[in-house]
Amino acid sequence: MAVTALAALHRKLFDETDGNKFARLKDRLLNKHGMDERQAVLDILVGYAKEGQLLHWRNFLMTDIIALAEPGECGDFFTTCLDVPELSYWAVDGMLKSMGKAAYGPLVALAAKPEAKLSARAKAVKSLAVFSGQPFDRGLMLDPGHWKVEQLRLAEVLAWQADGYPAGHGFAAPATHASLAAPHSPLEKAAAQLEKKLAARRRREQDLAQPSNWLAIADPADLRQIAAHWTLPEHYQRFLACYSPLRVSIDGENYFQGLNLYGAAELVKRQHGYAWNPVTQESIAGWPEHYLVIADAGADPYCLDLGAITDGDAPVYTAEHGAGTWHFERHADSFVAFLTEIAAAA
């Protein structure tokens, strides 16, 4: 009975011309048969990727094929896909999963192939970097689909090939403060609560070439630059020094567009467009000079009032952007209260 049902679903999948209906059929195929009849389902999806009539779905199926395939499977299929422009991007990861280091040569060739799609060439470099631990992707955007041709670092990739593809060391995780594991003060407890939730996100997805959702020890040079601009309240200064956010974005009911919490490395630059015009190199009229922007939600600033520091802390104000003039409202009585709220929302 199961074979008959699978065969019927197979026929429906290949006959369907409506993309939405195809998606539902594909999901049914995976959910009902993907575990018990994995190999048969894999053969169906590979067959569709080769010959299916919905061209965009031939591309979309590649990630499902990669997820189903085990190491050593589908190597010939993925290798063939490298020469199919619509399939080459995801074929890169399929080859590495199937062939391991044996995929290095063809993927280096793809990266160096000027007539190939730039997105596929960049994907080859990015995936080779992740798989081998070589830092070809250092400082570049997480999505290689946005890379420029001059960012491919082909000279490094080719030198690595000539050297016999040595394994690299990858990227070290950002250094974190010990108090995150054993918090005592209200500031430390709020930071530790936020870190616990960020760590859960990192376990789901993390690329250490561009680490995100970390509370890290700040670079002393960044702290010196900040000190040259402002005298910060003690609690916020300690937060930046010990728990400086690295690409931390918070979702929650109070932040429907997401809240970006700034770190020490970006704090000075983040004042641009609020307190400072980087083009004219002048202060922007109408901005309260004692307000320091420490976060934003969809460009709505959250500011620490440096003119109201009490007991090592200061209140946080916010306003909507785009209104012509700023109308600030008190959001939290202190930075620690603000951080506690963020930690609860994350």
C-alpha atoms as a PDB file:
ATOM      1  CA  MET A   1       0.000   0.000   0.000  1.00  0.00           C
ATOM      2  CA  ALA A   2       2.800   2.406   0.887  1.00  0.00           C
ATOM      3  CA  VAL A   3       4.561   1.714  -2.435  1.00  0.00           C
ATOM      4  CA  THR A   4       1.351   2.441  -4.360  1.00  0.00           C
ATOM      5  CA  ALA A   5       0.820   5.687  -2.457  1.00  0.00           C
ATOM      6  CA  LEU A   6       4.396   6.745  -3.094  1.00  0.00           C
ATOM      7  CA  ALA A   7       4.132   5.911  -6.787  1.00  0.00           C
ATOM      8  CA  ALA A   8       0.906   7.935  -7.066  1.00  0.00           C
ATOM      9  CA  LEU A   9       2.505  10.895  -5.325  1.00  0.00           C
ATOM     10  CA  HIS A  10       5.483  10.555  -7.643  1.00  0.00           C
ATOM     11  CA  ARG A  11       3.241  10.845 -10.710  1.00  0.00           C
ATOM     12  CA  LYS A  12       1.293  13.787  -9.297  1.00  0.00           C
ATOM     13  CA  LEU A  13       4.507  15.635  -8.533  1.00  0.00           C
ATOM     14  CA  PHE A  14       5.790  15.319 -12.096  1.00  0.00           C
ATOM     15  CA  ASP A  15       2.413  16.179 -13.644  1.00  0.00           C
ATOM     16  CA  GLU A  16       1.685  19.258 -11.495  1.00  0.00           C
ATOM     17  CA  THR A  17       2.055  22.646 -13.206  1.00  0.00           C
ATOM     18  CA  ASP A  18       0.893  24.885 -10.351  1.00  0.00           C
ATOM     19  CA  GLY A  19       3.774  25.955  -8.084  1.00  0.00           C
ATOM     20  CA  ASN A  20       1.692  26.191  -4.907  1.00  0.00           C
ATOM     21  CA  LYS A  21       0.162  22.758  -5.405  1.00  0.00           C
ATOM     22  CA  PHE A  22       3.598  21.371  -6.195  1.00  0.00           C
ATOM     23  CA  ALA A  23       4.896  22.732  -2.879  1.00  0.00           C
ATOM     24  CA  ARG A  24       2.127  20.944  -0.979  1.00  0.00           C
ATOM     25  CA  LEU A  25       2.801  17.690  -2.834  1.00  0.00           C
ATOM     26  CA  LYS A  26       6.517  17.957  -2.134  1.00  0.00           C
ATOM     27  CA  ASP A  27       5.897  18.540   1.575  1.00  0.00           C
ATOM     28  CA  ARG A  28       3.557  15.544   1.675  1.00  0.00           C
ATOM     29  CA  LEU A  29       6.198  13.425  -0.010  1.00  0.00           C
ATOM     30  CA  LEU A  30       8.828  14.373   2.544  1.00  0.00           C
ATOM     31  CA  ASN A  31       6.587  14.203   5.610  1.00  0.00           C
ATOM     32  CA  LYS A  32       4.941  10.868   4.810  1.00  0.00           C
ATOM     33  CA  HIS A  33       7.761   8.994   3.107  1.00  0.00           C
ATOM     34  CA  GLY A  34      11.008  10.850   3.749  1.00  0.00           C
ATOM     35  CA  MET A  35      11.998   8.827   6.789  1.00  0.00           C
ATOM     36  CA  ASP A  36      10.839   5.282   6.011  1.00  0.00           C
ATOM     37  CA  GLU A  37      11.529   5.427   2.279  1.00  0.00           C
ATOM     38  CA  ARG A  38      14.352   7.923   2.217  1.00  0.00           C
ATOM     39  CA  GLN A  39      16.210   6.470  -0.754  1.00  0.00           C
ATOM     40  CA  ALA A  40      13.087   6.283  -2.913  1.00  0.00           C
ATOM     41  CA  VAL A  41      12.130   9.863  -2.051  1.00  0.00           C
ATOM     42  CA  LEU A  42      15.685  10.988  -2.751  1.00  0.00           C
ATOM     43  CA  ASP A  43      15.547   9.352  -6.193  1.00  0.00           C
ATOM     44  CA  ILE A  44      12.254  11.126  -6.932  1.00  0.00           C
ATOM     45  CA  LEU A  45      13.613  14.535  -5.981  1.00  0.00           C
ATOM     46  CA  VAL A  46      16.850  14.015  -7.907  1.00  0.00           C
ATOM     47  CA  GLY A  47      14.816  12.953 -10.924  1.00  0.00           C
ATOM     48  CA  TYR A  48      12.719  16.087 -10.716  1.00  0.00           C
ATOM     49  CA  ALA A  49      15.770  18.322 -10.319  1.00  0.00           C
ATOM     50  CA  LYS A  50      17.097  16.804 -13.544  1.00  0.00           C
ATOM     51  CA  GLU A  51      13.948  16.809 -15.663  1.00  0.00           C
ATOM     52  CA  GLY A  52      11.023  18.456 -13.830  1.00  0.00           C
ATOM     53  CA  GLN A  53       8.895  20.943 -15.751  1.00  0.00           C
ATOM     54  CA  LEU A  54       8.769  23.668 -13.066  1.00  0.00           C
ATOM     55  CA  LEU A  55      12.244  25.153 -13.500  1.00  0.00           C
ATOM     56  CA  HIS A  56      12.246  27.243 -10.312  1.00  0.00           C
ATOM     57  CA  TRP A  57      11.302  24.183  -8.262  1.00  0.00           C
ATOM     58  CA  ARG A  58      14.221  22.234  -9.711  1.00  0.00           C
ATOM     59  CA  ASN A  59      16.414  24.794  -7.953  1.00  0.00           C
ATOM     60  CA  PHE A  60      14.381  24.903  -4.730  1.00  0.00           C
ATOM     61  CA  LEU A  61      14.540  21.118  -4.372  1.00  0.00           C
ATOM     62  CA  MET A  62      18.319  21.165  -4.098  1.00  0.00           C
ATOM     63  CA  THR A  63      18.261  21.967  -0.369  1.00  0.00           C
ATOM     64  CA  ASP A  64      15.849  19.091   0.279  1.00  0.00           C
ATOM     65  CA  ILE A  65      18.081  16.739  -1.696  1.00  0.00           C
ATOM     66  CA  ILE A  66      21.134  17.837   0.288  1.00  0.00           C
ATOM     67  CA  ALA A  67      19.264  17.304   3.570  1.00  0.00           C
ATOM     68  CA  LEU A  68      18.134  13.802   2.563  1.00  0.00           C
ATOM     69  CA  ALA A  69      21.401  12.623   1.036  1.00  0.00           C
ATOM     70  CA  GLU A  70      23.954  10.934   3.254  1.00  0.00           C
ATOM     71  CA  PRO A  71      27.733  11.284   2.822  1.00  0.00           C
ATOM     72  CA  GLY A  72      28.797   9.364  -0.268  1.00  0.00           C
ATOM     73  CA  GLU A  73      25.423   9.650  -2.020  1.00  0.00           C
ATOM     74  CA  CYS A  74      24.500  11.662  -5.121  1.00  0.00           C
ATOM     75  CA  GLY A  75      28.058  12.764  -5.850  1.00  0.00           C
ATOM     76  CA  ASP A  76      27.681  12.358  -9.611  1.00  0.00           C
ATOM     77  CA  PHE A  77      24.391  14.259  -9.560  1.00  0.00           C
ATOM     78  CA  PHE A  78      25.810  17.213  -7.647  1.00  0.00           C
ATOM     79  CA  THR A  79      28.907  17.287  -9.870  1.00  0.00           C
ATOM     80  CA  THR A  80      26.714  17.416 -12.982  1.00  0.00           C
ATOM     81  CA  CYS A  81      24.704  20.256 -11.424  1.00  0.00           C
ATOM     82  CA  LEU A  82      27.816  22.431 -11.261  1.00  0.00           C
ATOM     83  CA  ASP A  83      27.429  22.973 -14.993  1.00  0.00           C
ATOM     84  CA  VAL A  84      23.730  23.865 -14.736  1.00  0.00           C
ATOM     85  CA  PRO A  85      23.517  27.599 -13.893  1.00  0.00           C
ATOM     86  CA  GLU A  86      20.137  27.238 -12.130  1.00  0.00           C
ATOM     87  CA  LEU A  87      21.422  24.452  -9.874  1.00  0.00           C
ATOM     88  CA  SER A  88      25.111  25.239  -9.405  1.00  0.00           C
ATOM     89  CA  TYR A  89      24.758  27.394  -6.266  1.00  0.00           C
ATOM     90  CA  TRP A  90      23.406  24.621  -4.020  1.00  0.00           C
ATOM     91  CA  ALA A  91      25.321  21.903  -5.828  1.00  0.00           C
ATOM     92  CA  VAL A  92      28.396  23.256  -4.042  1.00  0.00           C
ATOM     93  CA  ASP A  93      27.147  22.182  -0.606  1.00  0.00           C
ATOM     94  CA  GLY A  94      25.855  18.919  -2.016  1.00  0.00           C
ATOM     95  CA  MET A  95      29.295  18.032  -3.365  1.00  0.00           C
ATOM     96  CA  LEU A  96      31.000  18.800  -0.074  1.00  0.00           C
ATOM     97  CA  LYS A  97      28.507  16.707   1.883  1.00  0.00           C
ATOM     98  CA  SER A  98      28.719  13.821  -0.549  1.00  0.00           C
ATOM     99  CA  MET A  99      32.391  13.880  -1.550  1.00  0.00           C
ATOM    100  CA  GLY A 100      34.177  15.724   1.229  1.00  0.00           C
ATOM    101  CA  LYS A 101      37.690  16.795   0.293  1.00  0.00           C
ATOM    102  CA  ALA A 102      37.359  15.118  -3.112  1.00  0.00           C
ATOM    103  CA  ALA A 103      35.100  18.051  -4.039  1.00  0.00           C
ATOM    104  CA  TYR A 104      37.843  20.618  -3.459  1.00  0.00           C
ATOM    105  CA  GLY A 105      39.295  20.472  -6.985  1.00  0.00           C
ATOM    106  CA  PRO A 106      36.022  20.956  -8.901  1.00  0.00           C
ATOM    107  CA  LEU A 107      34.907  23.698  -6.537  1.00  0.00           C
ATOM    108  CA  VAL A 108      38.156  25.618  -6.866  1.00  0.00           C
ATOM    109  CA  ALA A 109      37.731  25.305 -10.641  1.00  0.00           C
ATOM    110  CA  LEU A 110      34.204  26.723 -10.329  1.00  0.00           C
ATOM    111  CA  ALA A 111      35.436  29.623  -8.210  1.00  0.00           C
ATOM    112  CA  ALA A 112      38.067  30.473 -10.828  1.00  0.00           C
ATOM    113  CA  LYS A 113      35.697  30.161 -13.791  1.00  0.00           C
ATOM    114  CA  PRO A 114      34.968  33.703 -15.024  1.00  0.00           C
ATOM    115  CA  GLU A 115      32.014  32.698 -17.200  1.00  0.00           C
ATOM    116  CA  ALA A 116      30.187  31.004 -14.310  1.00  0.00           C
ATOM    117  CA  LYS A 117      27.553  32.862 -12.306  1.00  0.00           C
ATOM    118  CA  LEU A 118      29.203  35.095  -9.708  1.00  0.00           C
ATOM    119  CA  SER A 119      26.852  33.857  -6.980  1.00  0.00           C
ATOM    120  CA  ALA A 120      27.910  30.241  -7.606  1.00  0.00           C
ATOM    121  CA  ARG A 121      31.607  31.173  -7.671  1.00  0.00           C
ATOM    122  CA  ALA A 122      31.219  33.037  -4.384  1.00  0.00           C
ATOM    123  CA  LYS A 123      29.263  30.144  -2.889  1.00  0.00           C
ATOM    124  CA  ALA A 124      32.145  27.815  -3.792  1.00  0.00           C
ATOM    125  CA  VAL A 125      34.642  30.049  -1.979  1.00  0.00           C
ATOM    126  CA  LYS A 126      32.379  30.484   1.050  1.00  0.00           C
ATOM    127  CA  SER A 127      31.601  26.781   1.423  1.00  0.00           C
ATOM    128  CA  LEU A 128      35.227  25.794   0.894  1.00  0.00           C
ATOM    129  CA  ALA A 129      36.176  28.230   3.659  1.00  0.00           C
ATOM    130  CA  VAL A 130      33.615  26.791   6.082  1.00  0.00           C
ATOM    131  CA  PHE A 131      34.439  23.169   5.250  1.00  0.00           C
ATOM    132  CA  SER A 132      38.225  23.549   5.299  1.00  0.00           C
ATOM    133  CA  GLY A 133      38.623  26.108   8.088  1.00  0.00           C
ATOM    134  CA  GLN A 134      40.490  28.477   5.780  1.00  0.00           C
ATOM    135  CA  PRO A 135      39.617  32.169   6.268  1.00  0.00           C
ATOM    136  CA  PHE A 136      38.692  32.968   2.666  1.00  0.00           C
ATOM    137  CA  ASP A 137      35.444  34.530   3.917  1.00  0.00           C
ATOM    138  CA  ARG A 138      36.893  36.774   6.622  1.00  0.00           C
ATOM    139  CA  GLY A 139      35.156  40.111   6.942  1.00  0.00           C
ATOM    140  CA  LEU A 140      32.710  39.371   4.114  1.00  0.00           C
ATOM    141  CA  MET A 141      28.915  39.324   4.145  1.00  0.00           C
ATOM    142  CA  LEU A 142      27.343  36.115   5.416  1.00  0.00           C
ATOM    143  CA  ASP A 143      25.438  35.602   2.170  1.00  0.00           C
ATOM    144  CA  PRO A 144      27.948  35.014  -0.660  1.00  0.00           C
ATOM    145  CA  GLY A 145      25.203  35.878  -3.122  1.00  0.00           C
ATOM    146  CA  HIS A 146      26.011  39.523  -2.319  1.00  0.00           C
ATOM    147  CA  TRP A 147      29.776  39.281  -2.794  1.00  0.00           C
ATOM    148  CA  LYS A 148      31.585  41.185  -5.514  1.00  0.00           C
ATOM    149  CA  VAL A 149      34.050  39.537  -7.858  1.00  0.00           C
ATOM    150  CA  GLU A 150      37.022  41.263  -6.227  1.00  0.00           C
ATOM    151  CA  GLN A 151      36.053  39.680  -2.891  1.00  0.00           C
ATOM    152  CA  LEU A 152      36.539  36.097  -4.070  1.00  0.00           C
ATOM    153  CA  ARG A 153      40.215  36.027  -2.952  1.00  0.00           C
ATOM    154  CA  LEU A 154      41.083  33.709  -5.819  1.00  0.00           C
ATOM    155  CA  ALA A 155      44.822  34.142  -5.323  1.00  0.00           C
ATOM    156  CA  GLU A 156      44.489  32.748  -1.787  1.00  0.00           C
ATOM    157  CA  VAL A 157      42.227  29.920  -2.936  1.00  0.00           C
ATOM    158  CA  LEU A 158      44.598  28.907  -5.726  1.00  0.00           C
ATOM    159  CA  ALA A 159      47.618  29.112  -3.406  1.00  0.00           C
ATOM    160  CA  TRP A 160      45.765  26.842  -0.971  1.00  0.00           C
ATOM    161  CA  GLN A 161      45.154  24.381  -3.796  1.00  0.00           C
ATOM    162  CA  ALA A 162      48.812  24.467  -4.849  1.00  0.00           C
ATOM    163  CA  ASP A 163      49.785  23.747  -1.236  1.00  0.00           C
ATOM    164  CA  GLY A 164      47.715  20.556  -1.190  1.00  0.00           C
ATOM    165  CA  TYR A 165      44.520  21.869   0.498  1.00  0.00           C
ATOM    166  CA  PRO A 166      45.792  22.114   4.097  1.00  0.00           C
ATOM    167  CA  ALA A 167      43.177  22.326   6.838  1.00  0.00           C
ATOM    168  CA  GLY A 168      42.795  25.737   8.451  1.00  0.00           C
ATOM    169  CA  HIS A 169      41.976  26.724  11.985  1.00  0.00           C
ATOM    170  CA  GLY A 170      38.675  28.443  11.263  1.00  0.00           C
ATOM    171  CA  PHE A 171      37.639  31.404  13.382  1.00  0.00           C
ATOM    172  CA  ALA A 172      37.817  31.577  17.142  1.00  0.00           C
ATOM    173  CA  ALA A 173      34.626  32.364  19.000  1.00  0.00           C
ATOM    174  CA  PRO A 174      34.515  35.854  20.533  1.00  0.00           C
ATOM    175  CA  ALA A 175      35.901  36.075  24.063  1.00  0.00           C
ATOM    176  CA  THR A 176      33.201  36.365  26.724  1.00  0.00           C
ATOM    177  CA  HIS A 177      33.312  37.521  30.336  1.00  0.00           C
ATOM    178  CA  ALA A 178      33.302  34.928  33.123  1.00  0.00           C
ATOM    179  CA  SER A 179      30.491  36.719  34.962  1.00  0.00           C
ATOM    180  CA  LEU A 180      28.020  35.568  32.305  1.00  0.00           C
ATOM    181  CA  ALA A 181      28.291  32.101  33.824  1.00  0.00           C
ATOM    182  CA  ALA A 182      28.168  33.303  37.449  1.00  0.00           C
ATOM    183  CA  PRO A 183      26.285  36.621  37.621  1.00  0.00           C
ATOM    184  CA  HIS A 184      25.813  38.524  40.871  1.00  0.00           C
ATOM    185  CA  SER A 185      24.799  42.149  40.285  1.00  0.00           C
ATOM    186  CA  PRO A 186      21.529  43.173  38.554  1.00  0.00           C
ATOM    187  CA  LEU A 187      23.534  44.212  35.480  1.00  0.00           C
ATOM    188  CA  GLU A 188      25.314  40.854  35.351  1.00  0.00           C
ATOM    189  CA  LYS A 189      22.066  38.943  35.826  1.00  0.00           C
ATOM    190  CA  ALA A 190      20.350  40.830  32.998  1.00  0.00           C
ATOM    191  CA  ALA A 191      23.346  40.273  30.713  1.00  0.00           C
ATOM    192  CA  ALA A 192      23.464  36.582  31.645  1.00  0.00           C
ATOM    193  CA  GLN A 193      19.742  36.177  30.903  1.00  0.00           C
ATOM    194  CA  LEU A 194      20.198  37.784  27.501  1.00  0.00           C
ATOM    195  CA  GLU A 195      23.298  35.674  26.799  1.00  0.00           C
ATOM    196  CA  LYS A 196      21.372  32.469  27.541  1.00  0.00           C
ATOM    197  CA  LYS A 197      18.812  33.314  24.880  1.00  0.00           C
ATOM    198  CA  LEU A 198      21.425  34.454  22.384  1.00  0.00           C
ATOM    199  CA  ALA A 199      23.333  31.211  22.908  1.00  0.00           C
ATOM    200  CA  ALA A 200      20.225  29.264  21.893  1.00  0.00           C
ATOM    201  CA  ARG A 201      20.116  31.230  18.651  1.00  0.00           C
ATOM    202  CA  ARG A 202      23.797  30.585  18.023  1.00  0.00           C
ATOM    203  CA  ARG A 203      23.274  26.853  18.393  1.00  0.00           C
ATOM    204  CA  ARG A 204      20.720  27.004  15.595  1.00  0.00           C
ATOM    205  CA  GLU A 205      22.827  29.106  13.253  1.00  0.00           C
ATOM    206  CA  GLN A 206      26.242  30.691  13.561  1.00  0.00           C
ATOM    207  CA  ASP A 207      28.989  31.717  11.153  1.00  0.00           C
ATOM    208  CA  LEU A 208      32.127  32.724  13.039  1.00  0.00           C
ATOM    209  CA  ALA A 209      33.461  34.561   9.989  1.00  0.00           C
ATOM    210  CA  GLN A 210      30.854  37.184  10.948  1.00  0.00           C
ATOM    211  CA  PRO A 211      29.752  36.260  14.482  1.00  0.00           C
ATOM    212  CA  SER A 212      26.282  37.361  15.506  1.00  0.00           C
ATOM    213  CA  ASN A 213      24.260  37.323  18.722  1.00  0.00           C
ATOM    214  CA  TRP A 214      27.257  37.495  21.061  1.00  0.00           C
ATOM    215  CA  LEU A 215      27.986  39.515  24.187  1.00  0.00           C
ATOM    216  CA  ALA A 216      31.757  39.803  23.983  1.00  0.00           C
ATOM    217  CA  ILE A 217      34.649  41.489  25.755  1.00  0.00           C
ATOM    218  CA  ALA A 218      35.261  44.780  23.963  1.00  0.00           C
ATOM    219  CA  ASP A 219      38.439  45.803  22.180  1.00  0.00           C
ATOM    220  CA  PRO A 220      40.276  48.304  24.448  1.00  0.00           C
ATOM    221  CA  ALA A 221      40.843  50.554  21.426  1.00  0.00           C
ATOM    222  CA  ASP A 222      37.083  50.880  20.941  1.00  0.00           C
ATOM    223  CA  LEU A 223      36.642  51.751  24.613  1.00  0.00           C
ATOM    224  CA  ARG A 224      39.326  54.435  24.374  1.00  0.00           C
ATOM    225  CA  GLN A 225      37.580  55.959  21.370  1.00  0.00           C
ATOM    226  CA  ILE A 226      34.290  56.029  23.273  1.00  0.00           C
ATOM    227  CA  ALA A 227      35.946  57.589  26.330  1.00  0.00           C
ATOM    228  CA  ALA A 228      37.282  60.375  24.105  1.00  0.00           C
ATOM    229  CA  HIS A 229      33.717  61.283  23.150  1.00  0.00           C
ATOM    230  CA  TRP A 230      31.618  60.738  26.282  1.00  0.00           C
ATOM    231  CA  THR A 231      31.670  60.165  30.005  1.00  0.00           C
ATOM    232  CA  LEU A 232      29.436  57.152  30.438  1.00  0.00           C
ATOM    233  CA  PRO A 233      27.517  56.006  33.506  1.00  0.00           C
ATOM    234  CA  GLU A 234      29.301  53.191  35.324  1.00  0.00           C
ATOM    235  CA  HIS A 235      26.783  50.451  34.515  1.00  0.00           C
ATOM    236  CA  TYR A 236      26.696  51.147  30.783  1.00  0.00           C
ATOM    237  CA  GLN A 237      30.468  51.490  30.646  1.00  0.00           C
ATOM    238  CA  ARG A 238      30.835  48.075  32.294  1.00  0.00           C
ATOM    239  CA  PHE A 239      28.245  46.622  29.943  1.00  0.00           C
ATOM    240  CA  LEU A 240      30.210  47.761  26.894  1.00  0.00           C
ATOM    241  CA  ALA A 241      33.513  46.586  28.323  1.00  0.00           C
ATOM    242  CA  CYS A 242      32.347  43.114  29.418  1.00  0.00           C
ATOM    243  CA  TYR A 243      29.253  42.358  27.322  1.00  0.00           C
ATOM    244  CA  SER A 244      29.653  44.355  24.122  1.00  0.00           C
ATOM    245  CA  PRO A 245      26.948  43.241  21.645  1.00  0.00           C
ATOM    246  CA  LEU A 246      28.132  41.762  18.359  1.00  0.00           C
ATOM    247  CA  ARG A 247      25.330  41.992  15.783  1.00  0.00           C
ATOM    248  CA  VAL A 248      22.631  41.512  18.395  1.00  0.00           C
ATOM    249  CA  SER A 249      19.087  41.968  17.146  1.00  0.00           C
ATOM    250  CA  ILE A 250      16.132  41.407  19.475  1.00  0.00           C
ATOM    251  CA  ASP A 251      12.626  40.430  18.404  1.00  0.00           C
ATOM    252  CA  GLY A 252       9.680  40.957  20.683  1.00  0.00           C
ATOM    253  CA  GLU A 253       6.220  42.461  21.057  1.00  0.00           C
ATOM    254  CA  ASN A 254       7.699  45.857  21.910  1.00  0.00           C
ATOM    255  CA  TYR A 255      10.037  45.760  18.911  1.00  0.00           C
ATOM    256  CA  PHE A 256       7.969  44.662  15.923  1.00  0.00           C
ATOM    257  CA  GLN A 257      10.787  45.711  13.549  1.00  0.00           C
ATOM    258  CA  GLY A 258      13.485  44.234  15.774  1.00  0.00           C
ATOM    259  CA  LEU A 259      15.795  46.068  18.167  1.00  0.00           C
ATOM    260  CA  ASN A 260      19.453  46.485  17.250  1.00  0.00           C
ATOM    261  CA  LEU A 261      21.582  46.745  20.402  1.00  0.00           C
ATOM    262  CA  TYR A 262      24.874  48.510  19.725  1.00  0.00           C
ATOM    263  CA  GLY A 263      28.321  47.337  20.736  1.00  0.00           C
ATOM    264  CA  ALA A 264      31.520  49.202  21.505  1.00  0.00           C
ATOM    265  CA  ALA A 265      32.909  48.785  17.981  1.00  0.00           C
ATOM    266  CA  GLU A 266      29.980  50.610  16.384  1.00  0.00           C
ATOM    267  CA  LEU A 267      28.784  53.055  19.041  1.00  0.00           C
ATOM    268  CA  VAL A 268      30.529  56.146  17.640  1.00  0.00           C
ATOM    269  CA  LYS A 269      29.424  55.496  14.066  1.00  0.00           C
ATOM    270  CA  ARG A 270      25.870  54.757  15.164  1.00  0.00           C
ATOM    271  CA  GLN A 271      25.422  58.392  16.173  1.00  0.00           C
ATOM    272  CA  HIS A 272      25.537  59.307  12.483  1.00  0.00           C
ATOM    273  CA  GLY A 273      22.196  60.556  11.234  1.00  0.00           C
ATOM    274  CA  TYR A 274      21.022  61.294  14.765  1.00  0.00           C
ATOM    275  CA  ALA A 275      23.515  63.523  16.543  1.00  0.00           C
ATOM    276  CA  TRP A 276      26.140  63.834  13.805  1.00  0.00           C
ATOM    277  CA  ASN A 277      26.204  64.504  10.058  1.00  0.00           C
ATOM    278  CA  PRO A 278      29.186  62.547   8.669  1.00  0.00           C
ATOM    279  CA  VAL A 279      29.041  64.427   5.348  1.00  0.00           C
ATOM    280  CA  THR A 280      29.275  67.956   6.721  1.00  0.00           C
ATOM    281  CA  GLN A 281      31.150  66.845   9.839  1.00  0.00           C
ATOM    282  CA  GLU A 282      28.764  68.857  11.990  1.00  0.00           C
ATOM    283  CA  SER A 283      26.340  68.248  14.826  1.00  0.00           C
ATOM    284  CA  ILE A 284      22.740  67.942  13.693  1.00  0.00           C
ATOM    285  CA  ALA A 285      20.509  70.765  14.897  1.00  0.00           C
ATOM    286  CA  GLY A 286      17.655  69.724  17.143  1.00  0.00           C
ATOM    287  CA  TRP A 287      19.375  66.710  18.626  1.00  0.00           C
ATOM    288  CA  PRO A 288      19.800  66.857  22.437  1.00  0.00           C
ATOM    289  CA  GLU A 289      23.573  66.884  22.903  1.00  0.00           C
ATOM    290  CA  HIS A 290      23.382  64.755  26.064  1.00  0.00           C
ATOM    291  CA  TYR A 291      21.485  61.905  24.347  1.00  0.00           C
ATOM    292  CA  LEU A 292      23.600  58.898  23.327  1.00  0.00           C
ATOM    293  CA  VAL A 293      21.952  56.442  20.922  1.00  0.00           C
ATOM    294  CA  ILE A 294      22.567  52.925  22.248  1.00  0.00           C
ATOM    295  CA  ALA A 295      20.005  50.987  20.175  1.00  0.00           C
ATOM    296  CA  ASP A 296      17.365  51.421  17.503  1.00  0.00           C
ATOM    297  CA  ALA A 297      14.179  49.704  16.416  1.00  0.00           C
ATOM    298  CA  GLY A 298      13.507  50.367  12.752  1.00  0.00           C
ATOM    299  CA  ALA A 299      15.608  53.565  13.044  1.00  0.00           C
ATOM    300  CA  ASP A 300      13.620  54.744  16.097  1.00  0.00           C
ATOM    301  CA  PRO A 301      16.442  55.614  18.523  1.00  0.00           C
ATOM    302  CA  TYR A 302      16.806  54.491  22.133  1.00  0.00           C
ATOM    303  CA  CYS A 303      19.018  56.953  23.950  1.00  0.00           C
ATOM    304  CA  LEU A 304      20.858  57.079  27.240  1.00  0.00           C
ATOM    305  CA  ASP A 305      20.454  60.490  28.899  1.00  0.00           C
ATOM    306  CA  LEU A 306      24.014  61.370  29.874  1.00  0.00           C
ATOM    307  CA  GLY A 307      22.750  64.534  31.495  1.00  0.00           C
ATOM    308  CA  ALA A 308      20.846  62.588  34.153  1.00  0.00           C
ATOM    309  CA  ILE A 309      23.401  60.135  35.526  1.00  0.00           C
ATOM    310  CA  THR A 310      22.508  58.973  39.040  1.00  0.00           C
ATOM    311  CA  ASP A 311      24.078  56.150  41.052  1.00  0.00           C
ATOM    312  CA  GLY A 312      26.084  54.953  38.086  1.00  0.00           C
ATOM    313  CA  ASP A 313      23.140  54.705  35.703  1.00  0.00           C
ATOM    314  CA  ALA A 314      20.917  56.867  33.497  1.00  0.00           C
ATOM    315  CA  PRO A 315      17.377  56.745  32.066  1.00  0.00           C
ATOM    316  CA  VAL A 316      16.609  55.617  28.521  1.00  0.00           C
ATOM    317  CA  TYR A 317      14.464  57.685  26.155  1.00  0.00           C
ATOM    318  CA  THR A 318      13.013  56.863  22.753  1.00  0.00           C
ATOM    319  CA  ALA A 319      11.319  58.682  19.878  1.00  0.00           C
ATOM    320  CA  GLU A 320       9.841  57.954  16.472  1.00  0.00           C
ATOM    321  CA  HIS A 321      11.934  58.997  13.514  1.00  0.00           C
ATOM    322  CA  GLY A 322      10.585  60.807  10.466  1.00  0.00           C
ATOM    323  CA  ALA A 323       8.300  63.195  12.348  1.00  0.00           C
ATOM    324  CA  GLY A 324      10.303  66.307  11.468  1.00  0.00           C
ATOM    325  CA  THR A 325      11.186  67.038  15.067  1.00  0.00           C
ATOM    326  CA  TRP A 326      12.106  64.666  17.849  1.00  0.00           C
ATOM    327  CA  HIS A 327       9.559  64.005  20.580  1.00  0.00           C
ATOM    328  CA  PHE A 328      11.257  61.856  23.193  1.00  0.00           C
ATOM    329  CA  GLU A 329       9.482  59.781  25.794  1.00  0.00           C
ATOM    330  CA  ARG A 330      10.991  58.101  28.830  1.00  0.00           C
ATOM    331  CA  HIS A 331      11.205  54.376  28.089  1.00  0.00           C
ATOM    332  CA  ALA A 332      13.121  52.994  31.090  1.00  0.00           C
ATOM    333  CA  ASP A 333      14.313  54.479  34.372  1.00  0.00           C
ATOM    334  CA  SER A 334      17.824  53.070  33.919  1.00  0.00           C
ATOM    335  CA  PHE A 335      20.012  51.173  31.480  1.00  0.00           C
ATOM    336  CA  VAL A 336      19.876  48.108  33.720  1.00  0.00           C
ATOM    337  CA  ALA A 337      16.058  48.204  33.553  1.00  0.00           C
ATOM    338  CA  PHE A 338      16.273  48.568  29.769  1.00  0.00           C
ATOM    339  CA  LEU A 339      18.645  45.605  29.521  1.00  0.00           C
ATOM    340  CA  THR A 340      16.367  43.517  31.739  1.00  0.00           C
ATOM    341  CA  GLU A 341      13.457  44.300  29.441  1.00  0.00           C
ATOM    342  CA  ILE A 342      15.496  43.333  26.373  1.00  0.00           C
ATOM    343  CA  ALA A 343      16.590  40.084  27.986  1.00  0.00           C
ATOM    344  CA  ALA A 344      12.992  39.165  28.731  1.00  0.00           C
ATOM    345  CA  ALA A 345      11.927  39.949  25.158  1.00  0.00           C
ATOM    346  CA  ALA A 346      14.757  38.097  23.363  1.00  0.00           C
END
